[in-house]
C-alpha atoms as a PDB file:
ATOM      1  CA  MET A   1     -19.063  68.712 -67.432  1.00  0.00           C
ATOM      2  CA  ARG A   2     -21.044  71.098 -69.613  1.00  0.00           C
ATOM      3  CA  VAL A   3     -23.760  68.757 -70.649  1.00  0.00           C
ATOM      4  CA  PHE A   4     -26.336  69.321 -73.598  1.00  0.00           C
ATOM      5  CA  ILE A   5     -29.423  67.709 -73.072  1.00  0.00           C
ATOM      6  CA  THR A   6     -32.608  67.254 -75.549  1.00  0.00           C
ATOM      7  CA  GLY A   7     -35.856  66.894 -73.897  1.00  0.00           C
ATOM      8  CA  ALA A   8     -34.455  68.696 -70.900  1.00  0.00           C
ATOM      9  CA  SER A   9     -37.799  69.995 -69.477  1.00  0.00           C
ATOM     10  CA  GLY A  10     -39.746  66.646 -70.345  1.00  0.00           C
ATOM     11  CA  HIS A  11     -40.561  64.002 -67.728  1.00  0.00           C
ATOM     12  CA  VAL A  12     -36.984  62.472 -67.340  1.00  0.00           C
ATOM     13  CA  GLY A  13     -35.296  65.536 -68.147  1.00  0.00           C
ATOM     14  CA  SER A  14     -37.103  67.321 -64.863  1.00  0.00           C
ATOM     15  CA  ALA A  15     -35.131  64.900 -62.946  1.00  0.00           C
ATOM     16  CA  LEU A  16     -31.701  64.843 -64.842  1.00  0.00           C
ATOM     17  CA  VAL A  17     -31.303  68.573 -64.970  1.00  0.00           C
ATOM     18  CA  PRO A  18     -31.186  68.760 -61.261  1.00  0.00           C
ATOM     19  CA  GLU A  19     -29.409  65.491 -60.879  1.00  0.00           C
ATOM     20  CA  LEU A  20     -26.429  66.858 -62.868  1.00  0.00           C
ATOM     21  CA  LEU A  21     -26.349  70.335 -61.472  1.00  0.00           C
ATOM     22  CA  HIS A  22     -26.352  68.720 -57.937  1.00  0.00           C
ATOM     23  CA  ASN A  23     -23.435  66.821 -58.761  1.00  0.00           C
ATOM     24  CA  GLY A  24     -21.030  69.546 -60.134  1.00  0.00           C
ATOM     25  CA  HIS A  25     -21.934  69.622 -63.867  1.00  0.00           C
ATOM     26  CA  GLN A  26     -23.443  72.506 -66.165  1.00  0.00           C
ATOM     27  CA  VAL A  27     -26.518  71.992 -68.116  1.00  0.00           C
ATOM     28  CA  LEU A  28     -27.519  73.296 -71.335  1.00  0.00           C
ATOM     29  CA  GLY A  29     -31.175  72.369 -72.131  1.00  0.00           C
ATOM     30  CA  LEU A  30     -33.046  72.253 -75.373  1.00  0.00           C
ATOM     31  CA  ALA A  31     -36.472  74.119 -74.881  1.00  0.00           C
ATOM     32  CA  ARG A  32     -39.412  74.465 -77.422  1.00  0.00           C
ATOM     33  CA  SER A  33     -41.095  76.939 -75.467  1.00  0.00           C
ATOM     34  CA  ASP A  34     -41.088  79.847 -73.279  1.00  0.00           C
ATOM     35  CA  GLU A  35     -42.623  77.609 -70.517  1.00  0.00           C
ATOM     36  CA  SER A  36     -40.008  75.168 -70.801  1.00  0.00           C
ATOM     37  CA  ALA A  37     -37.359  77.944 -71.171  1.00  0.00           C
ATOM     38  CA  LYS A  38     -38.286  79.322 -67.906  1.00  0.00           C
ATOM     39  CA  ARG A  39     -38.412  76.090 -66.031  1.00  0.00           C
ATOM     40  CA  LEU A  40     -34.779  75.393 -67.105  1.00  0.00           C
ATOM     41  CA  THR A  41     -33.779  78.757 -66.033  1.00  0.00           C
ATOM     42  CA  GLN A  42     -35.387  78.359 -62.683  1.00  0.00           C
ATOM     43  CA  TRP A  43     -33.436  75.002 -62.152  1.00  0.00           C
ATOM     44  CA  GLY A  44     -29.985  76.916 -62.949  1.00  0.00           C
ATOM     45  CA  ALA A  45     -29.664  75.513 -66.327  1.00  0.00           C
ATOM     46  CA  GLU A  46     -28.905  77.517 -69.604  1.00  0.00           C
ATOM     47  CA  VAL A  47     -31.413  77.415 -72.368  1.00  0.00           C
ATOM     48  CA  VAL A  48     -30.799  76.473 -76.005  1.00  0.00           C
ATOM     49  CA  ARG A  49     -34.103  77.457 -77.799  1.00  0.00           C
ATOM     50  CA  GLY A  50     -35.162  74.980 -80.490  1.00  0.00           C
ATOM     51  CA  ASP A  51     -36.566  71.595 -81.340  1.00  0.00           C
ATOM     52  CA  LEU A  52     -35.544  68.270 -82.879  1.00  0.00           C
ATOM     53  CA  HIS A  53     -36.110  69.681 -86.226  1.00  0.00           C
ATOM     54  CA  ASP A  54     -33.733  72.544 -85.682  1.00  0.00           C
ATOM     55  CA  LEU A  55     -30.443  70.428 -86.925  1.00  0.00           C
ATOM     56  CA  ASP A  56     -28.134  73.270 -87.116  1.00  0.00           C
ATOM     57  CA  ARG A  57     -28.988  74.154 -83.581  1.00  0.00           C
ATOM     58  CA  LEU A  58     -28.511  70.873 -82.338  1.00  0.00           C
ATOM     59  CA  ARG A  59     -25.159  70.579 -84.126  1.00  0.00           C
ATOM     60  CA  ALA A  60     -23.715  73.617 -82.692  1.00  0.00           C
ATOM     61  CA  ALA A  61     -24.950  73.016 -79.075  1.00  0.00           C
ATOM     62  CA  ALA A  62     -23.537  69.345 -79.247  1.00  0.00           C
ATOM     63  CA  ALA A  63     -20.102  70.958 -80.363  1.00  0.00           C
ATOM     64  CA  ALA A  64     -20.042  73.421 -77.786  1.00  0.00           C
ATOM     65  CA  ALA A  65     -20.790  70.766 -74.795  1.00  0.00           C
ATOM     66  CA  ASP A  66     -18.515  68.234 -73.244  1.00  0.00           C
ATOM     67  CA  GLY A  67     -21.277  65.498 -73.394  1.00  0.00           C
ATOM     68  CA  VAL A  68     -24.780  65.043 -74.548  1.00  0.00           C
ATOM     69  CA  VAL A  69     -27.820  63.095 -73.162  1.00  0.00           C
ATOM     70  CA  HIS A  70     -30.623  62.782 -75.933  1.00  0.00           C
ATOM     71  CA  LEU A  71     -34.141  62.433 -74.126  1.00  0.00           C
ATOM     72  CA  ALA A  72     -36.293  64.079 -76.575  1.00  0.00           C
ATOM     73  CA  PHE A  73     -38.624  62.191 -78.648  1.00  0.00           C
ATOM     74  CA  ARG A  74     -41.931  63.214 -80.670  1.00  0.00           C
ATOM     75  CA  HIS A  75     -44.300  61.423 -78.466  1.00  0.00           C
ATOM     76  CA  ASP A  76     -46.978  63.505 -80.085  1.00  0.00           C
ATOM     77  CA  ALA A  77     -46.584  61.961 -83.259  1.00  0.00           C
ATOM     78  CA  MET A  78     -46.221  58.351 -81.937  1.00  0.00           C
ATOM     79  CA  GLN A  79     -49.502  58.971 -80.054  1.00  0.00           C
ATOM     80  CA  ALA A  80     -51.288  60.160 -83.259  1.00  0.00           C
ATOM     81  CA  GLY A  81     -50.160  56.840 -85.091  1.00  0.00           C
ATOM     82  CA  ASP A  82     -47.109  58.436 -86.914  1.00  0.00           C
ATOM     83  CA  LEU A  83     -44.493  56.014 -85.615  1.00  0.00           C
ATOM     84  CA  ALA A  84     -42.240  56.339 -88.570  1.00  0.00           C
ATOM     85  CA  GLY A  85     -42.147  59.848 -88.595  1.00  0.00           C
ATOM     86  CA  ALA A  86     -41.303  59.984 -84.677  1.00  0.00           C
ATOM     87  CA  ALA A  87     -38.406  57.768 -85.467  1.00  0.00           C
ATOM     88  CA  GLU A  88     -37.114  59.625 -88.412  1.00  0.00           C
ATOM     89  CA  SER A  89     -36.726  62.596 -86.451  1.00  0.00           C
ATOM     90  CA  ASP A  90     -35.029  60.905 -83.591  1.00  0.00           C
ATOM     91  CA  LEU A  91     -32.687  59.152 -85.968  1.00  0.00           C
ATOM     92  CA  ALA A  92     -31.832  62.598 -87.960  1.00  0.00           C
ATOM     93  CA  ALA A  93     -31.272  64.325 -84.434  1.00  0.00           C
ATOM     94  CA  LEU A  94     -28.787  61.582 -83.528  1.00  0.00           C
ATOM     95  CA  GLN A  95     -27.038  61.688 -86.669  1.00  0.00           C
ATOM     96  CA  THR A  96     -26.576  65.470 -86.575  1.00  0.00           C
ATOM     97  CA  ILE A  97     -25.265  65.118 -82.856  1.00  0.00           C
ATOM     98  CA  GLY A  98     -23.135  62.291 -83.832  1.00  0.00           C
ATOM     99  CA  ASP A  99     -21.372  64.381 -86.659  1.00  0.00           C
ATOM    100  CA  ALA A 100     -20.671  67.024 -84.215  1.00  0.00           C
ATOM    101  CA  LEU A 101     -19.137  64.842 -81.425  1.00  0.00           C
ATOM    102  CA  ALA A 102     -17.294  62.394 -84.010  1.00  0.00           C
ATOM    103  CA  GLY A 103     -13.500  62.147 -83.158  1.00  0.00           C
ATOM    104  CA  THR A 104     -13.592  64.067 -79.657  1.00  0.00           C
ATOM    105  CA  ASP A 105     -13.967  60.980 -77.218  1.00  0.00           C
ATOM    106  CA  LYS A 106     -16.909  62.984 -75.606  1.00  0.00           C
ATOM    107  CA  PRO A 107     -19.825  61.031 -74.070  1.00  0.00           C
ATOM    108  CA  LEU A 108     -23.254  60.510 -75.793  1.00  0.00           C
ATOM    109  CA  VAL A 109     -25.949  58.979 -73.907  1.00  0.00           C
ATOM    110  CA  SER A 110     -29.091  58.319 -75.878  1.00  0.00           C
ATOM    111  CA  THR A 111     -32.347  56.781 -75.083  1.00  0.00           C
ATOM    112  CA  SER A 112     -34.356  53.577 -76.438  1.00  0.00           C
ATOM    113  CA  GLY A 113     -36.818  51.135 -74.769  1.00  0.00           C
ATOM    114  CA  THR A 114     -36.797  47.688 -73.488  1.00  0.00           C
ATOM    115  CA  GLY A 115     -40.002  46.980 -75.569  1.00  0.00           C
ATOM    116  CA  MET A 116     -37.827  47.068 -78.814  1.00  0.00           C
ATOM    117  CA  LEU A 117     -36.472  43.633 -77.687  1.00  0.00           C
ATOM    118  CA  ALA A 118     -40.318  41.839 -77.684  1.00  0.00           C
ATOM    119  CA  GLY A 119     -39.809  40.506 -81.254  1.00  0.00           C
ATOM    120  CA  VAL A 120     -36.095  39.589 -80.260  1.00  0.00           C
ATOM    121  CA  VAL A 121     -36.232  37.605 -76.968  1.00  0.00           C
ATOM    122  CA  GLN A 122     -38.942  35.474 -76.273  1.00  0.00           C
ATOM    123  CA  GLY A 123     -39.394  33.036 -73.285  1.00  0.00           C
ATOM    124  CA  ARG A 124     -36.402  34.161 -71.193  1.00  0.00           C
ATOM    125  CA  VAL A 125     -35.575  37.653 -69.639  1.00  0.00           C
ATOM    126  CA  ALA A 126     -33.954  40.026 -71.803  1.00  0.00           C
ATOM    127  CA  THR A 127     -30.440  41.477 -71.109  1.00  0.00           C
ATOM    128  CA  GLU A 128     -28.395  44.073 -72.185  1.00  0.00           C
ATOM    129  CA  GLU A 129     -26.294  42.068 -74.573  1.00  0.00           C
ATOM    130  CA  ASP A 130     -29.801  41.583 -76.548  1.00  0.00           C
ATOM    131  CA  PHE A 131     -30.514  43.770 -79.727  1.00  0.00           C
ATOM    132  CA  ASP A 132     -32.056  43.486 -83.016  1.00  0.00           C
ATOM    133  CA  PRO A 133     -29.447  43.549 -85.830  1.00  0.00           C
ATOM    134  CA  SER A 134     -32.326  43.870 -88.459  1.00  0.00           C
ATOM    135  CA  GLY A 135     -33.218  47.362 -87.510  1.00  0.00           C
ATOM    136  CA  GLY A 136     -36.718  48.915 -87.264  1.00  0.00           C
ATOM    137  CA  TYR A 137     -38.740  51.157 -85.432  1.00  0.00           C
ATOM    138  CA  ARG A 138     -36.189  53.053 -82.974  1.00  0.00           C
ATOM    139  CA  VAL A 139     -33.863  50.095 -83.428  1.00  0.00           C
ATOM    140  CA  ASP A 140     -32.087  52.070 -86.241  1.00  0.00           C
ATOM    141  CA  ALA A 141     -31.146  54.797 -83.721  1.00  0.00           C
ATOM    142  CA  GLU A 142     -30.138  52.562 -81.003  1.00  0.00           C
ATOM    143  CA  ASN A 143     -27.901  50.508 -83.254  1.00  0.00           C
ATOM    144  CA  TYR A 144     -26.455  53.781 -84.809  1.00  0.00           C
ATOM    145  CA  VAL A 145     -25.524  55.214 -81.404  1.00  0.00           C
ATOM    146  CA  VAL A 146     -23.604  52.123 -80.705  1.00  0.00           C
ATOM    147  CA  ASP A 147     -21.845  52.132 -83.663  1.00  0.00           C
ATOM    148  CA  LEU A 148     -20.621  55.675 -82.882  1.00  0.00           C
ATOM    149  CA  ALA A 149     -17.993  54.164 -80.572  1.00  0.00           C
ATOM    150  CA  ALA A 150     -15.936  53.334 -83.647  1.00  0.00           C
ATOM    151  CA  LYS A 151     -16.018  57.137 -84.631  1.00  0.00           C
ATOM    152  CA  GLY A 152     -14.443  58.317 -81.396  1.00  0.00           C
ATOM    153  CA  ILE A 153     -17.559  58.729 -79.404  1.00  0.00           C
ATOM    154  CA  ARG A 154     -18.269  57.329 -75.935  1.00  0.00           C
ATOM    155  CA  SER A 155     -21.509  56.553 -76.740  1.00  0.00           C
ATOM    156  CA  SER A 156     -24.067  54.502 -74.937  1.00  0.00           C
ATOM    157  CA  VAL A 157     -27.878  53.815 -75.029  1.00  0.00           C
ATOM    158  CA  LEU A 158     -30.065  53.633 -72.113  1.00  0.00           C
ATOM    159  CA  ARG A 159     -33.057  51.377 -72.433  1.00  0.00           C
ATOM    160  CA  LEU A 160     -35.987  52.577 -70.514  1.00  0.00           C
ATOM    161  CA  PRO A 161     -38.688  50.048 -69.678  1.00  0.00           C
ATOM    162  CA  PRO A 162     -42.519  50.522 -70.756  1.00  0.00           C
ATOM    163  CA  ILE A 163     -43.262  52.535 -67.410  1.00  0.00           C
ATOM    164  CA  THR A 164     -40.936  55.081 -65.770  1.00  0.00           C
ATOM    165  CA  HIS A 165     -42.809  56.385 -62.832  1.00  0.00           C
ATOM    166  CA  SER A 166     -42.883  59.034 -60.319  1.00  0.00           C
ATOM    167  CA  ARG A 167     -44.760  62.382 -59.629  1.00  0.00           C
ATOM    168  CA  LEU A 168     -43.083  63.788 -62.526  1.00  0.00           C
ATOM    169  CA  ASP A 169     -44.712  61.722 -65.136  1.00  0.00           C
ATOM    170  CA  HIS A 170     -47.675  63.414 -66.732  1.00  0.00           C
ATOM    171  CA  GLN A 171     -47.833  61.834 -70.297  1.00  0.00           C
ATOM    172  CA  GLY A 172     -45.890  58.408 -70.052  1.00  0.00           C
ATOM    173  CA  PHE A 173     -47.698  55.011 -70.206  1.00  0.00           C
ATOM    174  CA  ALA A 174     -49.095  54.888 -66.809  1.00  0.00           C
ATOM    175  CA  PRO A 175     -50.858  58.264 -67.238  1.00  0.00           C
ATOM    176  CA  SER A 176     -52.120  56.935 -70.635  1.00  0.00           C
ATOM    177  CA  LEU A 177     -53.382  53.832 -69.121  1.00  0.00           C
ATOM    178  CA  ILE A 178     -55.096  55.523 -66.438  1.00  0.00           C
ATOM    179  CA  ALA A 179     -56.950  57.984 -68.965  1.00  0.00           C
ATOM    180  CA  PHE A 180     -58.026  55.068 -71.141  1.00  0.00           C
ATOM    181  CA  ALA A 181     -59.430  53.236 -68.123  1.00  0.00           C
ATOM    182  CA  ARG A 182     -61.548  56.606 -67.066  1.00  0.00           C
ATOM    183  CA  LYS A 183     -62.762  56.562 -70.605  1.00  0.00           C
ATOM    184  CA  ASN A 184     -63.711  53.210 -70.829  1.00  0.00           C
ATOM    185  CA  GLY A 185     -65.172  52.764 -67.255  1.00  0.00           C
ATOM    186  CA  PHE A 186     -62.831  49.748 -66.690  1.00  0.00           C
ATOM    187  CA  ALA A 187     -58.926  49.108 -66.530  1.00  0.00           C
ATOM    188  CA  ALA A 188     -58.266  46.839 -69.506  1.00  0.00           C
ATOM    189  CA  TYR A 189     -55.747  44.001 -70.048  1.00  0.00           C
ATOM    190  CA  ILE A 190     -55.421  41.577 -73.020  1.00  0.00           C
ATOM    191  CA  GLY A 191     -56.352  37.979 -72.941  1.00  0.00           C
ATOM    192  CA  ASP A 192     -55.335  36.638 -69.581  1.00  0.00           C
ATOM    193  CA  GLY A 193     -53.108  39.607 -68.684  1.00  0.00           C
ATOM    194  CA  THR A 194     -50.048  37.361 -67.663  1.00  0.00           C
ATOM    195  CA  ASN A 195     -47.769  39.118 -70.077  1.00  0.00           C
ATOM    196  CA  ARG A 196     -44.968  40.816 -68.164  1.00  0.00           C
ATOM    197  CA  TRP A 197     -43.612  44.555 -68.366  1.00  0.00           C
ATOM    198  CA  SER A 198     -40.650  46.144 -66.282  1.00  0.00           C
ATOM    199  CA  SER A 199     -40.584  49.458 -64.731  1.00  0.00           C
ATOM    200  CA  VAL A 200     -38.306  52.050 -62.939  1.00  0.00           C
ATOM    201  CA  HIS A 201     -38.751  55.239 -60.831  1.00  0.00           C
ATOM    202  CA  THR A 202     -37.681  58.328 -62.731  1.00  0.00           C
ATOM    203  CA  LEU A 203     -35.347  59.627 -60.225  1.00  0.00           C
ATOM    204  CA  ASP A 204     -33.418  56.110 -60.267  1.00  0.00           C
ATOM    205  CA  ALA A 205     -33.272  56.488 -64.197  1.00  0.00           C
ATOM    206  CA  ALA A 206     -32.031  59.990 -64.020  1.00  0.00           C
ATOM    207  CA  ARG A 207     -29.114  58.620 -61.666  1.00  0.00           C
ATOM    208  CA  LEU A 208     -28.418  56.009 -64.158  1.00  0.00           C
ATOM    209  CA  TYR A 209     -28.138  58.548 -67.166  1.00  0.00           C
ATOM    210  CA  ARG A 210     -25.675  60.553 -64.797  1.00  0.00           C
ATOM    211  CA  LEU A 211     -23.654  57.645 -64.246  1.00  0.00           C
ATOM    212  CA  ALA A 212     -23.585  56.589 -68.082  1.00  0.00           C
ATOM    213  CA  LEU A 213     -22.550  60.113 -68.970  1.00  0.00           C
ATOM    214  CA  GLU A 214     -19.593  60.134 -66.343  1.00  0.00           C
ATOM    215  CA  SER A 215     -18.427  56.674 -67.067  1.00  0.00           C
ATOM    216  CA  ALA A 216     -20.261  54.142 -69.320  1.00  0.00           C
ATOM    217  CA  PRO A 217     -17.737  52.453 -71.671  1.00  0.00           C
ATOM    218  CA  ALA A 218     -18.302  53.202 -75.404  1.00  0.00           C
ATOM    219  CA  GLY A 219     -20.562  51.195 -77.253  1.00  0.00           C
ATOM    220  CA  THR A 220     -22.510  50.178 -74.196  1.00  0.00           C
ATOM    221  CA  ARG A 221     -26.213  49.162 -73.843  1.00  0.00           C
ATOM    222  CA  LEU A 222     -27.826  49.803 -70.637  1.00  0.00           C
ATOM    223  CA  HIS A 223     -30.767  48.901 -68.725  1.00  0.00           C
ATOM    224  CA  ALA A 224     -32.882  51.136 -66.120  1.00  0.00           C
ATOM    225  CA  ILE A 225     -35.019  48.530 -64.446  1.00  0.00           C
ATOM    226  CA  GLN A 226     -36.170  48.245 -61.114  1.00  0.00           C
ATOM    227  CA  ASP A 227     -39.300  45.769 -61.458  1.00  0.00           C
ATOM    228  CA  LYS A 228     -38.217  43.382 -63.947  1.00  0.00           C
ATOM    229  CA  SER A 229     -41.410  41.364 -64.429  1.00  0.00           C
ATOM    230  CA  ILE A 230     -44.984  42.532 -63.505  1.00  0.00           C
ATOM    231  CA  GLU A 231     -47.999  40.901 -65.122  1.00  0.00           C
ATOM    232  CA  PHE A 232     -49.832  43.603 -67.158  1.00  0.00           C
ATOM    233  CA  ARG A 233     -52.989  42.063 -65.173  1.00  0.00           C
ATOM    234  CA  THR A 234     -51.493  43.291 -61.886  1.00  0.00           C
ATOM    235  CA  ILE A 235     -50.980  46.821 -63.057  1.00  0.00           C
ATOM    236  CA  ALA A 236     -54.506  46.985 -64.732  1.00  0.00           C
ATOM    237  CA  GLU A 237     -55.828  45.951 -61.181  1.00  0.00           C
ATOM    238  CA  ALA A 238     -53.714  48.881 -59.422  1.00  0.00           C
ATOM    239  CA  ILE A 239     -55.307  51.362 -61.760  1.00  0.00           C
ATOM    240  CA  GLY A 240     -58.643  49.928 -61.271  1.00  0.00           C
ATOM    241  CA  ARG A 241     -58.109  50.311 -57.282  1.00  0.00           C
ATOM    242  CA  GLY A 242     -57.075  53.749 -57.847  1.00  0.00           C
ATOM    243  CA  LEU A 243     -59.797  54.684 -59.946  1.00  0.00           C
ATOM    244  CA  ASP A 244     -62.504  52.529 -57.954  1.00  0.00           C
ATOM    245  CA  LEU A 245     -63.188  50.771 -61.469  1.00  0.00           C
ATOM    246  CA  PRO A 246     -63.343  47.171 -62.438  1.00  0.00           C
ATOM    247  CA  THR A 247     -60.764  45.250 -64.618  1.00  0.00           C
ATOM    248  CA  ARG A 248     -61.565  43.523 -67.524  1.00  0.00           C
ATOM    249  CA  SER A 249     -59.939  41.228 -70.262  1.00  0.00           C
ATOM    250  CA  VAL A 250     -60.071  42.393 -74.078  1.00  0.00           C
ATOM    251  CA  THR A 251     -59.189  40.356 -77.055  1.00  0.00           C
ATOM    252  CA  VAL A 252     -56.370  41.555 -79.360  1.00  0.00           C
ATOM    253  CA  ASP A 253     -58.921  42.726 -81.821  1.00  0.00           C
ATOM    254  CA  GLU A 254     -60.737  44.841 -79.330  1.00  0.00           C
ATOM    255  CA  ALA A 255     -57.475  46.291 -77.819  1.00  0.00           C
ATOM    256  CA  PRO A 256     -57.392  49.636 -80.261  1.00  0.00           C
ATOM    257  CA  GLN A 257     -60.715  50.442 -79.217  1.00  0.00           C
ATOM    258  CA  TYR A 258     -60.065  50.444 -75.217  1.00  0.00           C
ATOM    259  CA  LEU A 259     -56.417  51.037 -75.350  1.00  0.00           C
ATOM    260  CA  GLY A 260     -55.686  53.104 -78.229  1.00  0.00           C
ATOM    261  CA  PHE A 261     -51.939  53.737 -79.401  1.00  0.00           C
ATOM    262  CA  LEU A 262     -51.040  51.385 -76.387  1.00  0.00           C
ATOM    263  CA  ALA A 263     -52.645  48.430 -77.861  1.00  0.00           C
ATOM    264  CA  ARG A 264     -49.687  47.341 -79.879  1.00  0.00           C
ATOM    265  CA  PHE A 265     -47.867  47.494 -76.610  1.00  0.00           C
ATOM    266  CA  ALA A 266     -49.969  46.236 -74.104  1.00  0.00           C
ATOM    267  CA  ALA A 267     -49.701  42.439 -75.063  1.00  0.00           C
ATOM    268  CA  MET A 268     -46.051  42.670 -75.018  1.00  0.00           C
ATOM    269  CA  ASP A 269     -44.234  40.112 -72.832  1.00  0.00           C
ATOM    270  CA  ILE A 270     -40.777  41.411 -72.238  1.00  0.00           C
ATOM    271  CA  PRO A 271     -39.520  40.844 -68.522  1.00  0.00           C
ATOM    272  CA  THR A 272     -35.956  42.397 -68.666  1.00  0.00           C
ATOM    273  CA  SER A 273     -32.933  42.337 -66.304  1.00  0.00           C
ATOM    274  CA  ALA A 274     -30.617  45.273 -65.388  1.00  0.00           C
ATOM    275  CA  ALA A 275     -27.935  42.936 -63.837  1.00  0.00           C
ATOM    276  CA  ARG A 276     -25.072  43.771 -66.017  1.00  0.00           C
ATOM    277  CA  THR A 277     -25.930  47.706 -65.728  1.00  0.00           C
ATOM    278  CA  SER A 278     -25.964  47.522 -61.990  1.00  0.00           C
ATOM    279  CA  GLU A 279     -22.474  45.876 -61.843  1.00  0.00           C
ATOM    280  CA  LEU A 280     -20.951  47.751 -64.619  1.00  0.00           C
ATOM    281  CA  LEU A 281     -21.971  51.231 -63.171  1.00  0.00           C
ATOM    282  CA  ASN A 282     -22.523  50.324 -59.503  1.00  0.00           C
ATOM    283  CA  TRP A 283     -26.228  51.308 -59.970  1.00  0.00           C
ATOM    284  CA  GLN A 284     -29.326  50.100 -57.663  1.00  0.00           C
ATOM    285  CA  PRO A 285     -32.694  51.324 -57.646  1.00  0.00           C
ATOM    286  CA  THR A 286     -33.430  52.859 -54.153  1.00  0.00           C
ATOM    287  CA  ARG A 287     -37.021  54.704 -54.844  1.00  0.00           C
ATOM    288  CA  PRO A 288     -40.587  53.242 -54.759  1.00  0.00           C
ATOM    289  CA  ASN A 289     -41.544  50.701 -57.085  1.00  0.00           C
ATOM    290  CA  LEU A 290     -44.569  51.078 -59.578  1.00  0.00           C
ATOM    291  CA  LEU A 291     -47.167  49.323 -57.581  1.00  0.00           C
ATOM    292  CA  ASP A 292     -46.313  51.455 -54.493  1.00  0.00           C
ATOM    293  CA  ASP A 293     -46.388  54.609 -56.527  1.00  0.00           C
ATOM    294  CA  LEU A 294     -49.647  53.560 -57.886  1.00  0.00           C
ATOM    295  CA  ALA A 295     -51.102  52.842 -54.502  1.00  0.00           C
ATOM    296  CA  GLU A 296     -49.746  56.335 -53.247  1.00  0.00           C
ATOM    297  CA  GLY A 297     -52.603  57.739 -55.289  1.00  0.00           C
ATOM    298  CA  PHE A 298     -51.230  60.675 -56.821  1.00  0.00           C
ATOM    299  CA  TYR A 299     -51.563  59.282 -60.311  1.00  0.00           C
ATOM    300  CA  PHE A 300     -55.378  59.620 -59.801  1.00  0.00           C
END
C-alpha cells in the first residue's frame, strides 16, 4: 500500500514510518522543513513538502495514495493557548483529505485523544463506544472522520492517551511535565492527585496505526491504551524521583502557574480501556509501560 502520512517525521510518525516500511508498504511523508525531509529520505520514504495549511498539496498527495494516516497537529499553537486555531487547522486538513478520498473505499486513519472523553464519561472506565455527539475541541474532527464511512471511505479514528511515551518522545506531555517540574523545583499534581491517566508506548501505538490502516472497519473508533489507569500523583512522584525533586500538591487555581498549558488537562480523570480494539485488531501492547520508561532515566 502507498501511504500518505501527515506528521510523518514527528513523535509517532518517526515510529510509524519504519513500521510501515518494514511491513511492505511505501510511504509518502509530509515534511515542513529540510531537516524533516532529510530524515524521511534516510528512512526510505518519499517526501511531500508542505504543511497543514497547504490544502492543495494535501489533496493531491491523498488522491495519489492508497491510504492516509493523519498525525499532524499544530502543537505549537496548542501550547501557546490557541486551541481553537489548532483545532480549525486540523479539521480543515481532514476535510480536504476526505474530499480527495470520497467514494474510493481507501483507508483514512486519523488521530484523536482519550482526553476528549473527560466531559462525557465520569465515574467509570471509558471505552471505544463513548463519544461526544455535541462536538467541541478536536471532537468535531473525530466525528467528521467517523462519518466519512458513509461517503465511501474506510475511515477510523485512533485515540491516543494523554501520554505516549518512549525515547522518541521529545515534545509530548511527559517532557512538558518534566520541564515544568525543573522550572518549579518540584513535580506538581492537583488536589490529592488520585485522578487517573492512561498511557501507551510509541512503538505499540505505531503498530496499532498500521493494523488500523490495513484492516479497521469503516467508521471505527480505536484506543491505543496500555496502562488504562495511573494516578496522576504516581506520575508526578516518578518525575520527582527522576529529577531528585519533591512532589507537591497545588490547587486548581494555582495549576496554571505551575503546569502552564497542561493545567486544563492535569486534573482530568479518564481511565480508559482498549478491550474492543484489542479484540477487533488482535492488538496487544508488548513494550515497557510508562513508569518503567520513566525509571529508565532517558527522559531526564
